[in-house]
Amino acid sequence: MTLFVFIPAGYVVFLSLLRWNLIDVNAQFVGLGNYVHLFASQSFQQALSNTLILGVGLIVILLPLGLFLAVLLDMGLHGTRIYRTVMFGPYVLPLVASGLVWTLLYNQNFGLINQVLAWAHINGPDWLGTNGFALLAVLIMTVWQYLGYYMLIFLGGLQNVSAALKEAAAIDGANDRQTFWHITLPALSPSLFFALIICTIQAFQTFDQVYVMTGGGPDGSTTTLVYYIFNEGFQMYNIGTAAAASMVLLILLVILTLLQVRLGRRWVVEE
């Protein structure tokens, strides 16, 4: 932990106080100047806004959809193992490979998505080249990639719900809907809490799919915080700015996680 976490993290804090291009021997100490420049930068503000939009979109779509699929699989449908394997398959694929495939699917001229829309007499947009659609395209691809993972989290939680509680609810006259809302969902709250935290962290760490599919464009409409850090540090060689953005990202994740933990105490039901 000291060698691979604490020392590198401390070094990033030190770099965030410097103006350095990774090449010059002498670095200029600027104190909090990089942080001031960061929050005055429109490109950083856009990257932060894009990341927040992506995070909210993933939470709103991934968690309910993953729970819905988990409930279906928990009903013991025929072929459940096959469905579970198919749904989880995309998660084990490298994000770069998935991004390349989806880039072809989104192609304006010969992509499968626009061809399907053409069959319905709909003129498909330039998904990755239009401001209004590029971030949506990244969101859809990310949902497809992670959906199976959250489905398995919820499926594991559902299989641990006490059968005795369900039987007691049935004896008391509760129907399936009432049993789900008052028995199953509260018992599933620890899994929901875990999924919420992991989904938030994954959203703020979005990079691979943006790097492969859009390169942060068009006009920065898909630039996320991690891609902004990469671009500033290893494309523009503004190491101090990249380090400061890394610290901002870390602080945001710590604040969000602590907030989720505190709020989670109000609705997470411990066994």
C-alpha atoms as a PDB file:
ATOM      1  CA  MET A   1       0.000   0.000   0.000  1.00  0.00           C
ATOM      2  CA  THR A   2       2.829   2.392   0.839  1.00  0.00           C
ATOM      3  CA  LEU A   3       4.774   1.627  -2.327  1.00  0.00           C
ATOM      4  CA  PHE A   4       1.931   1.557  -4.831  1.00  0.00           C
ATOM      5  CA  VAL A   5      -0.682   3.878  -3.256  1.00  0.00           C
ATOM      6  CA  PHE A   6       0.542   6.300  -0.616  1.00  0.00           C
ATOM      7  CA  ILE A   7       3.866   7.337  -2.177  1.00  0.00           C
ATOM      8  CA  PRO A   8       2.402   7.818  -5.715  1.00  0.00           C
ATOM      9  CA  ALA A   9      -0.568   9.736  -4.277  1.00  0.00           C
ATOM     10  CA  GLY A  10       1.743  12.002  -2.325  1.00  0.00           C
ATOM     11  CA  TYR A  11       3.838  12.566  -5.440  1.00  0.00           C
ATOM     12  CA  VAL A  12       0.710  13.584  -7.379  1.00  0.00           C
ATOM     13  CA  VAL A  13      -0.085  16.133  -4.665  1.00  0.00           C
ATOM     14  CA  PHE A  14       3.458  17.492  -5.034  1.00  0.00           C
ATOM     15  CA  LEU A  15       3.148  17.637  -8.840  1.00  0.00           C
ATOM     16  CA  SER A  16      -0.127  19.540  -8.566  1.00  0.00           C
ATOM     17  CA  LEU A  17       1.823  22.424  -7.008  1.00  0.00           C
ATOM     18  CA  LEU A  18       4.275  22.662  -9.909  1.00  0.00           C
ATOM     19  CA  ARG A  19       4.296  23.938 -13.455  1.00  0.00           C
ATOM     20  CA  TRP A  20       6.209  21.253 -15.329  1.00  0.00           C
ATOM     21  CA  ASN A  21       6.130  19.797 -18.825  1.00  0.00           C
ATOM     22  CA  LEU A  22       7.721  16.428 -17.954  1.00  0.00           C
ATOM     23  CA  ILE A  23      10.840  17.355 -19.967  1.00  0.00           C
ATOM     24  CA  ASP A  24      12.499  20.382 -18.381  1.00  0.00           C
ATOM     25  CA  VAL A  25      14.862  19.659 -15.526  1.00  0.00           C
ATOM     26  CA  ASN A  26      13.679  22.649 -13.505  1.00  0.00           C
ATOM     27  CA  ALA A  27      10.017  22.799 -12.508  1.00  0.00           C
ATOM     28  CA  GLN A  28       8.362  26.020 -11.381  1.00  0.00           C
ATOM     29  CA  PHE A  29       6.543  26.015  -8.041  1.00  0.00           C
ATOM     30  CA  VAL A  30       3.148  27.723  -8.440  1.00  0.00           C
ATOM     31  CA  GLY A  31       1.359  26.631  -5.262  1.00  0.00           C
ATOM     32  CA  LEU A  32      -2.392  26.516  -5.805  1.00  0.00           C
ATOM     33  CA  GLY A  33      -2.078  28.206  -9.200  1.00  0.00           C
ATOM     34  CA  ASN A  34      -2.917  25.000 -11.046  1.00  0.00           C
ATOM     35  CA  TYR A  35      -6.156  24.620  -9.077  1.00  0.00           C
ATOM     36  CA  VAL A  36      -7.139  28.237  -9.771  1.00  0.00           C
ATOM     37  CA  HIS A  37      -6.437  27.739 -13.460  1.00  0.00           C
ATOM     38  CA  LEU A  38      -8.357  24.481 -13.401  1.00  0.00           C
ATOM     39  CA  PHE A  39     -11.630  25.866 -12.088  1.00  0.00           C
ATOM     40  CA  ALA A  40     -11.387  28.854 -14.424  1.00  0.00           C
ATOM     41  CA  SER A  41     -10.984  26.556 -17.418  1.00  0.00           C
ATOM     42  CA  GLN A  42     -14.108  26.001 -19.522  1.00  0.00           C
ATOM     43  CA  SER A  43     -12.727  22.695 -20.812  1.00  0.00           C
ATOM     44  CA  PHE A  44     -12.412  21.377 -17.241  1.00  0.00           C
ATOM     45  CA  GLN A  45     -15.898  22.586 -16.383  1.00  0.00           C
ATOM     46  CA  GLN A  46     -17.229  20.827 -19.482  1.00  0.00           C
ATOM     47  CA  ALA A  47     -15.368  17.626 -18.572  1.00  0.00           C
ATOM     48  CA  LEU A  48     -16.812  17.760 -15.060  1.00  0.00           C
ATOM     49  CA  SER A  49     -20.306  18.377 -16.427  1.00  0.00           C
ATOM     50  CA  ASN A  50     -20.001  15.489 -18.901  1.00  0.00           C
ATOM     51  CA  THR A  51     -18.819  13.159 -16.144  1.00  0.00           C
ATOM     52  CA  LEU A  52     -21.725  14.102 -13.878  1.00  0.00           C
ATOM     53  CA  ILE A  53     -24.237  13.614 -16.699  1.00  0.00           C
ATOM     54  CA  LEU A  54     -22.710  10.239 -17.531  1.00  0.00           C
ATOM     55  CA  GLY A  55     -22.740   9.215 -13.874  1.00  0.00           C
ATOM     56  CA  VAL A  56     -26.378  10.144 -13.360  1.00  0.00           C
ATOM     57  CA  GLY A  57     -27.328   8.400 -16.604  1.00  0.00           C
ATOM     58  CA  LEU A  58     -25.542   5.198 -15.622  1.00  0.00           C
ATOM     59  CA  ILE A  59     -27.105   5.129 -12.157  1.00  0.00           C
ATOM     60  CA  VAL A  60     -30.613   5.870 -13.438  1.00  0.00           C
ATOM     61  CA  ILE A  61     -30.430   3.287 -16.236  1.00  0.00           C
ATOM     62  CA  LEU A  62     -28.047   0.572 -15.033  1.00  0.00           C
ATOM     63  CA  LEU A  63     -29.365  -0.073 -11.544  1.00  0.00           C
ATOM     64  CA  PRO A  64     -33.109  -0.357 -12.327  1.00  0.00           C
ATOM     65  CA  LEU A  65     -32.464  -2.331 -15.516  1.00  0.00           C
ATOM     66  CA  GLY A  66     -29.993  -4.645 -13.789  1.00  0.00           C
ATOM     67  CA  LEU A  67     -32.489  -5.219 -10.976  1.00  0.00           C
ATOM     68  CA  PHE A  68     -35.282  -5.912 -13.460  1.00  0.00           C
ATOM     69  CA  LEU A  69     -33.217  -8.547 -15.292  1.00  0.00           C
ATOM     70  CA  ALA A  70     -32.109 -10.097 -12.003  1.00  0.00           C
ATOM     71  CA  VAL A  71     -35.738 -10.435 -10.888  1.00  0.00           C
ATOM     72  CA  LEU A  72     -36.595 -12.161 -14.176  1.00  0.00           C
ATOM     73  CA  LEU A  73     -33.716 -14.616 -13.819  1.00  0.00           C
ATOM     74  CA  ASP A  74     -34.595 -15.250 -10.166  1.00  0.00           C
ATOM     75  CA  MET A  75     -38.039 -16.429 -11.249  1.00  0.00           C
ATOM     76  CA  GLY A  76     -36.455 -19.652 -12.503  1.00  0.00           C
ATOM     77  CA  LEU A  77     -37.191 -19.213 -16.197  1.00  0.00           C
ATOM     78  CA  HIS A  78     -36.162 -21.971 -18.584  1.00  0.00           C
ATOM     79  CA  GLY A  79     -32.621 -21.342 -19.841  1.00  0.00           C
ATOM     80  CA  THR A  80     -31.642 -19.065 -16.948  1.00  0.00           C
ATOM     81  CA  ARG A  81     -27.984 -20.142 -17.093  1.00  0.00           C
ATOM     82  CA  ILE A  82     -27.770 -19.306 -20.779  1.00  0.00           C
ATOM     83  CA  TYR A  83     -29.367 -15.888 -20.300  1.00  0.00           C
ATOM     84  CA  ARG A  84     -27.064 -15.153 -17.363  1.00  0.00           C
ATOM     85  CA  THR A  85     -23.976 -16.065 -19.385  1.00  0.00           C
ATOM     86  CA  VAL A  86     -25.070 -14.026 -22.397  1.00  0.00           C
ATOM     87  CA  MET A  87     -25.837 -10.959 -20.283  1.00  0.00           C
ATOM     88  CA  PHE A  88     -22.559 -11.166 -18.376  1.00  0.00           C
ATOM     89  CA  GLY A  89     -20.494 -11.768 -21.520  1.00  0.00           C
ATOM     90  CA  PRO A  90     -19.936  -8.095 -22.472  1.00  0.00           C
ATOM     91  CA  TYR A  91     -18.478  -7.297 -19.057  1.00  0.00           C
ATOM     92  CA  VAL A  92     -15.490  -9.612 -19.554  1.00  0.00           C
ATOM     93  CA  LEU A  93     -14.655  -8.085 -22.932  1.00  0.00           C
ATOM     94  CA  PRO A  94     -11.907  -5.422 -23.001  1.00  0.00           C
ATOM     95  CA  LEU A  95     -13.411  -1.925 -23.149  1.00  0.00           C
ATOM     96  CA  VAL A  96     -11.124  -1.027 -26.051  1.00  0.00           C
ATOM     97  CA  ALA A  97     -12.363  -3.956 -28.147  1.00  0.00           C
ATOM     98  CA  SER A  98     -15.988  -3.158 -27.275  1.00  0.00           C
ATOM     99  CA  GLY A  99     -15.411   0.493 -28.155  1.00  0.00           C
ATOM    100  CA  LEU A 100     -14.059  -0.442 -31.593  1.00  0.00           C
ATOM    101  CA  VAL A 101     -17.062  -2.664 -32.283  1.00  0.00           C
ATOM    102  CA  TRP A 102     -19.533   0.010 -31.211  1.00  0.00           C
ATOM    103  CA  THR A 103     -17.696   2.581 -33.316  1.00  0.00           C
ATOM    104  CA  LEU A 104     -18.539   0.455 -36.341  1.00  0.00           C
ATOM    105  CA  LEU A 105     -22.123   0.020 -35.164  1.00  0.00           C
ATOM    106  CA  TYR A 106     -22.480   3.804 -34.820  1.00  0.00           C
ATOM    107  CA  ASN A 107     -20.968   4.581 -38.224  1.00  0.00           C
ATOM    108  CA  GLN A 108     -23.194   7.058 -40.025  1.00  0.00           C
ATOM    109  CA  ASN A 109     -22.848   5.476 -43.466  1.00  0.00           C
ATOM    110  CA  PHE A 110     -22.720   1.716 -42.968  1.00  0.00           C
ATOM    111  CA  GLY A 111     -23.317   1.165 -39.256  1.00  0.00           C
ATOM    112  CA  LEU A 112     -25.877  -1.443 -38.271  1.00  0.00           C
ATOM    113  CA  ILE A 113     -27.781   0.964 -36.005  1.00  0.00           C
ATOM    114  CA  ASN A 114     -28.464   3.469 -38.775  1.00  0.00           C
ATOM    115  CA  GLN A 115     -29.307   0.654 -41.204  1.00  0.00           C
ATOM    116  CA  VAL A 116     -31.959  -0.611 -38.788  1.00  0.00           C
ATOM    117  CA  LEU A 117     -33.302   2.936 -38.452  1.00  0.00           C
ATOM    118  CA  ALA A 118     -33.352   3.245 -42.237  1.00  0.00           C
ATOM    119  CA  TRP A 119     -35.556   0.161 -42.477  1.00  0.00           C
ATOM    120  CA  ALA A 120     -38.009   2.061 -40.258  1.00  0.00           C
ATOM    121  CA  HIS A 121     -37.681   5.094 -42.581  1.00  0.00           C
ATOM    122  CA  ILE A 122     -35.735   7.062 -39.960  1.00  0.00           C
ATOM    123  CA  ASN A 123     -32.696   9.062 -40.981  1.00  0.00           C
ATOM    124  CA  GLY A 124     -30.031   8.012 -38.485  1.00  0.00           C
ATOM    125  CA  PRO A 125     -27.767  10.733 -37.069  1.00  0.00           C
ATOM    126  CA  ASP A 126     -23.986  10.933 -36.979  1.00  0.00           C
ATOM    127  CA  TRP A 127     -23.856   9.357 -33.531  1.00  0.00           C
ATOM    128  CA  LEU A 128     -20.212  10.038 -32.710  1.00  0.00           C
ATOM    129  CA  GLY A 129     -19.872  13.293 -34.624  1.00  0.00           C
ATOM    130  CA  THR A 130     -22.796  15.293 -33.250  1.00  0.00           C
ATOM    131  CA  ASN A 131     -22.785  17.128 -29.931  1.00  0.00           C
ATOM    132  CA  GLY A 132     -26.269  16.032 -29.000  1.00  0.00           C
ATOM    133  CA  PHE A 133     -25.676  12.324 -29.632  1.00  0.00           C
ATOM    134  CA  ALA A 134     -22.014  11.565 -28.898  1.00  0.00           C
ATOM    135  CA  LEU A 135     -22.319  11.421 -25.106  1.00  0.00           C
ATOM    136  CA  LEU A 136     -25.559   9.454 -25.441  1.00  0.00           C
ATOM    137  CA  ALA A 137     -23.746   6.956 -27.681  1.00  0.00           C
ATOM    138  CA  VAL A 138     -21.014   6.516 -25.063  1.00  0.00           C
ATOM    139  CA  LEU A 139     -23.665   6.076 -22.361  1.00  0.00           C
ATOM    140  CA  ILE A 140     -25.507   3.374 -24.325  1.00  0.00           C
ATOM    141  CA  MET A 141     -22.288   1.472 -24.972  1.00  0.00           C
ATOM    142  CA  THR A 142     -21.297   1.694 -21.289  1.00  0.00           C
ATOM    143  CA  VAL A 143     -24.703   0.439 -20.153  1.00  0.00           C
ATOM    144  CA  TRP A 144     -24.352  -2.540 -22.508  1.00  0.00           C
ATOM    145  CA  GLN A 145     -20.861  -3.253 -21.138  1.00  0.00           C
ATOM    146  CA  TYR A 146     -21.701  -3.124 -17.418  1.00  0.00           C
ATOM    147  CA  LEU A 147     -25.309  -4.354 -17.322  1.00  0.00           C
ATOM    148  CA  GLY A 148     -24.444  -8.008 -16.771  1.00  0.00           C
ATOM    149  CA  TYR A 149     -22.198  -7.168 -13.825  1.00  0.00           C
ATOM    150  CA  TYR A 150     -24.937  -5.351 -11.917  1.00  0.00           C
ATOM    151  CA  MET A 151     -27.445  -8.009 -12.872  1.00  0.00           C
ATOM    152  CA  LEU A 152     -25.258 -10.617 -11.149  1.00  0.00           C
ATOM    153  CA  ILE A 153     -24.860  -8.438  -8.056  1.00  0.00           C
ATOM    154  CA  PHE A 154     -28.622  -8.162  -7.699  1.00  0.00           C
ATOM    155  CA  LEU A 155     -29.172 -11.803  -8.583  1.00  0.00           C
ATOM    156  CA  GLY A 156     -26.843 -12.843  -5.779  1.00  0.00           C
ATOM    157  CA  GLY A 157     -28.722 -10.563  -3.409  1.00  0.00           C
ATOM    158  CA  LEU A 158     -32.096 -11.940  -4.466  1.00  0.00           C
ATOM    159  CA  GLN A 159     -30.970 -15.507  -3.905  1.00  0.00           C
ATOM    160  CA  ASN A 160     -30.038 -14.621  -0.333  1.00  0.00           C
ATOM    161  CA  VAL A 161     -33.447 -13.183   0.557  1.00  0.00           C
ATOM    162  CA  SER A 162     -34.968 -15.294   3.318  1.00  0.00           C
ATOM    163  CA  ALA A 163     -37.592 -17.678   1.969  1.00  0.00           C
ATOM    164  CA  ALA A 164     -39.198 -17.751   5.411  1.00  0.00           C
ATOM    165  CA  LEU A 165     -40.001 -14.038   5.181  1.00  0.00           C
ATOM    166  CA  LYS A 166     -41.629 -14.529   1.783  1.00  0.00           C
ATOM    167  CA  GLU A 167     -43.676 -17.449   3.081  1.00  0.00           C
ATOM    168  CA  ALA A 168     -44.771 -15.434   6.113  1.00  0.00           C
ATOM    169  CA  ALA A 169     -45.834 -12.571   3.839  1.00  0.00           C
ATOM    170  CA  ALA A 170     -47.794 -14.990   1.646  1.00  0.00           C
ATOM    171  CA  ILE A 171     -49.541 -16.440   4.691  1.00  0.00           C
ATOM    172  CA  ASP A 172     -50.497 -12.902   5.750  1.00  0.00           C
ATOM    173  CA  GLY A 173     -52.130 -12.409   2.342  1.00  0.00           C
ATOM    174  CA  ALA A 174     -49.445 -10.308   0.581  1.00  0.00           C
ATOM    175  CA  ASN A 175     -49.387 -10.557  -3.208  1.00  0.00           C
ATOM    176  CA  ASP A 176     -46.209 -10.699  -5.321  1.00  0.00           C
ATOM    177  CA  ARG A 177     -45.999  -6.911  -5.697  1.00  0.00           C
ATOM    178  CA  GLN A 178     -46.389  -6.283  -1.972  1.00  0.00           C
ATOM    179  CA  THR A 179     -43.856  -8.990  -1.174  1.00  0.00           C
ATOM    180  CA  PHE A 180     -41.323  -7.406  -3.528  1.00  0.00           C
ATOM    181  CA  TRP A 181     -41.701  -3.873  -2.146  1.00  0.00           C
ATOM    182  CA  HIS A 182     -41.885  -4.747   1.551  1.00  0.00           C
ATOM    183  CA  ILE A 183     -39.769  -7.913   1.814  1.00  0.00           C
ATOM    184  CA  THR A 184     -37.480  -8.395  -1.182  1.00  0.00           C
ATOM    185  CA  LEU A 185     -36.407  -4.799  -1.849  1.00  0.00           C
ATOM    186  CA  PRO A 186     -35.469  -3.985   1.788  1.00  0.00           C
ATOM    187  CA  ALA A 187     -33.523  -7.254   2.005  1.00  0.00           C
ATOM    188  CA  LEU A 188     -31.768  -6.297  -1.227  1.00  0.00           C
ATOM    189  CA  SER A 189     -30.724  -2.855   0.050  1.00  0.00           C
ATOM    190  CA  PRO A 190     -27.109  -3.861   0.877  1.00  0.00           C
ATOM    191  CA  SER A 191     -26.638  -5.021  -2.727  1.00  0.00           C
ATOM    192  CA  LEU A 192     -28.238  -1.811  -4.009  1.00  0.00           C
ATOM    193  CA  PHE A 193     -25.936   0.238  -1.785  1.00  0.00           C
ATOM    194  CA  PHE A 194     -22.836  -1.579  -3.020  1.00  0.00           C
ATOM    195  CA  ALA A 195     -23.930  -1.240  -6.657  1.00  0.00           C
ATOM    196  CA  LEU A 196     -24.594   2.489  -6.227  1.00  0.00           C
ATOM    197  CA  ILE A 197     -21.082   3.162  -4.923  1.00  0.00           C
ATOM    198  CA  ILE A 198     -19.367   1.018  -7.563  1.00  0.00           C
ATOM    199  CA  CYS A 199     -21.440   2.549 -10.366  1.00  0.00           C
ATOM    200  CA  THR A 200     -20.512   6.066  -9.225  1.00  0.00           C
ATOM    201  CA  ILE A 201     -16.804   5.222  -9.164  1.00  0.00           C
ATOM    202  CA  GLN A 202     -16.948   3.543 -12.577  1.00  0.00           C
ATOM    203  CA  ALA A 203     -18.736   6.547 -14.073  1.00  0.00           C
ATOM    204  CA  PHE A 204     -16.082   8.957 -12.810  1.00  0.00           C
ATOM    205  CA  GLN A 205     -13.330   6.698 -14.172  1.00  0.00           C
ATOM    206  CA  THR A 206     -14.749   6.514 -17.702  1.00  0.00           C
ATOM    207  CA  PHE A 207     -11.877   6.671 -20.176  1.00  0.00           C
ATOM    208  CA  ASP A 208     -11.348   3.717 -22.521  1.00  0.00           C
ATOM    209  CA  GLN A 209     -14.585   4.003 -24.467  1.00  0.00           C
ATOM    210  CA  VAL A 210     -14.158   7.761 -24.876  1.00  0.00           C
ATOM    211  CA  TYR A 211     -10.557   7.354 -26.012  1.00  0.00           C
ATOM    212  CA  VAL A 212     -11.493   4.757 -28.629  1.00  0.00           C
ATOM    213  CA  MET A 213     -14.863   6.036 -29.831  1.00  0.00           C
ATOM    214  CA  THR A 214     -14.727   9.837 -29.798  1.00  0.00           C
ATOM    215  CA  GLY A 215     -11.363  11.083 -28.559  1.00  0.00           C
ATOM    216  CA  GLY A 216     -13.273  13.478 -26.328  1.00  0.00           C
ATOM    217  CA  GLY A 217     -15.059  15.133 -29.238  1.00  0.00           C
ATOM    218  CA  PRO A 218     -16.860  16.605 -30.926  1.00  0.00           C
ATOM    219  CA  ASP A 219     -15.948  19.939 -29.344  1.00  0.00           C
ATOM    220  CA  GLY A 220     -15.268  18.303 -26.001  1.00  0.00           C
ATOM    221  CA  SER A 221     -18.830  17.024 -25.669  1.00  0.00           C
ATOM    222  CA  THR A 222     -17.634  13.578 -24.509  1.00  0.00           C
ATOM    223  CA  THR A 223     -14.519  14.610 -22.590  1.00  0.00           C
ATOM    224  CA  THR A 224     -14.651  13.080 -19.112  1.00  0.00           C
ATOM    225  CA  LEU A 225     -12.477  13.950 -16.126  1.00  0.00           C
ATOM    226  CA  VAL A 226     -10.116  11.029 -16.665  1.00  0.00           C
ATOM    227  CA  TYR A 227      -9.810  11.776 -20.369  1.00  0.00           C
ATOM    228  CA  TYR A 228      -9.155  15.440 -19.493  1.00  0.00           C
ATOM    229  CA  ILE A 229      -6.364  14.324 -17.143  1.00  0.00           C
ATOM    230  CA  PHE A 230      -4.878  12.116 -19.857  1.00  0.00           C
ATOM    231  CA  ASN A 231      -5.062  14.866 -22.457  1.00  0.00           C
ATOM    232  CA  GLU A 232      -3.525  17.523 -20.211  1.00  0.00           C
ATOM    233  CA  GLY A 233      -0.797  15.253 -18.881  1.00  0.00           C
ATOM    234  CA  PHE A 234       0.247  13.113 -21.825  1.00  0.00           C
ATOM    235  CA  GLN A 235      -0.896  15.084 -24.861  1.00  0.00           C
ATOM    236  CA  MET A 236      -0.321  18.699 -23.767  1.00  0.00           C
ATOM    237  CA  TYR A 237       2.361  17.860 -21.159  1.00  0.00           C
ATOM    238  CA  ASN A 238       0.742  20.095 -18.543  1.00  0.00           C
ATOM    239  CA  ILE A 239       1.704  17.764 -15.718  1.00  0.00           C
ATOM    240  CA  GLY A 240       0.780  20.177 -12.942  1.00  0.00           C
ATOM    241  CA  THR A 241      -2.699  20.741 -14.335  1.00  0.00           C
ATOM    242  CA  ALA A 242      -3.236  17.011 -14.846  1.00  0.00           C
ATOM    243  CA  ALA A 243      -2.114  16.279 -11.286  1.00  0.00           C
ATOM    244  CA  ALA A 244      -4.416  18.980  -9.905  1.00  0.00           C
ATOM    245  CA  ALA A 245      -7.336  17.510 -11.880  1.00  0.00           C
ATOM    246  CA  SER A 246      -6.456  14.078 -10.479  1.00  0.00           C
ATOM    247  CA  MET A 247      -6.659  15.446  -6.950  1.00  0.00           C
ATOM    248  CA  VAL A 248     -10.012  17.074  -7.699  1.00  0.00           C
ATOM    249  CA  LEU A 249     -11.272  13.731  -9.023  1.00  0.00           C
ATOM    250  CA  LEU A 250     -10.076  11.957  -5.879  1.00  0.00           C
ATOM    251  CA  ILE A 251     -11.697  14.522  -3.591  1.00  0.00           C
ATOM    252  CA  LEU A 252     -14.985  14.337  -5.499  1.00  0.00           C
ATOM    253  CA  LEU A 253     -15.075  10.536  -5.230  1.00  0.00           C
ATOM    254  CA  VAL A 254     -14.281  10.647  -1.512  1.00  0.00           C
ATOM    255  CA  ILE A 255     -17.017  13.228  -0.887  1.00  0.00           C
ATOM    256  CA  LEU A 256     -19.598  11.324  -2.946  1.00  0.00           C
ATOM    257  CA  THR A 257     -18.722   8.019  -1.295  1.00  0.00           C
ATOM    258  CA  LEU A 258     -18.923   9.467   2.219  1.00  0.00           C
ATOM    259  CA  LEU A 259     -22.230  11.122   1.341  1.00  0.00           C
ATOM    260  CA  GLN A 260     -23.607   7.840   0.004  1.00  0.00           C
ATOM    261  CA  VAL A 261     -22.435   5.986   3.113  1.00  0.00           C
ATOM    262  CA  ARG A 262     -24.104   8.529   5.410  1.00  0.00           C
ATOM    263  CA  LEU A 263     -27.356   8.538   3.460  1.00  0.00           C
ATOM    264  CA  GLY A 264     -27.196   4.768   3.119  1.00  0.00           C
ATOM    265  CA  ARG A 265     -27.574   4.380   6.873  1.00  0.00           C
ATOM    266  CA  ARG A 266     -31.139   5.644   6.493  1.00  0.00           C
ATOM    267  CA  TRP A 267     -32.324   3.088   3.955  1.00  0.00           C
ATOM    268  CA  VAL A 268     -29.934   0.108   4.021  1.00  0.00           C
ATOM    269  CA  VAL A 269     -31.429  -2.727   6.064  1.00  0.00           C
ATOM    270  CA  GLU A 270     -28.764  -4.757   7.848  1.00  0.00           C
ATOM    271  CA  GLU A 271     -29.534  -8.384   8.530  1.00  0.00           C
END
